[in-house]
Amino acid sequence: MSEEPIGIAATYFERVRNRDIRVAELFHEDAVLAGLGTLTKGRPAIADFYRGVVERASPSPRLAGPLMSNGGRVAGEVYVDFPSGATIHAVDIFEIEDGLIRTLTYFLATHPDRDDEG
């Protein structure tokens, strides 16, 4: 795993795509995951979140373009595919510090239960 911010974000997407629950190891012990109006705080809670996501949804993110970075901040536009055939469009913003994710904030442009116009 690269210690560079873009490499860490790329490893994050690879682990999620491979349904590797070790994705939580990429986060600081007191990291924050924010999205959909919720905050998940701390590596143990983040590990539980990803374990549940992998078991329930098996998401497979694919980048819509290159990751963009400015220092420790990395942004990625992604499409997340699900076994059901649904796809969501999202933007993930990482704050990476000391080789680990300090915060990850995600924004959804579409929802898996709606069409692209909903």
Foldseek 3Di string as FASTA:
>chain_A
DDLALLVLVVVLLVCLQVLNLCSLVQADQFAWEAEPHDIQTGSVSVSVVSNVCCVPWSKHKDFPDGWDDDHQKIKTWIWIATPVGFIWTKMWIFRDDRSGTRYIYMYTCDDRVDPNVD
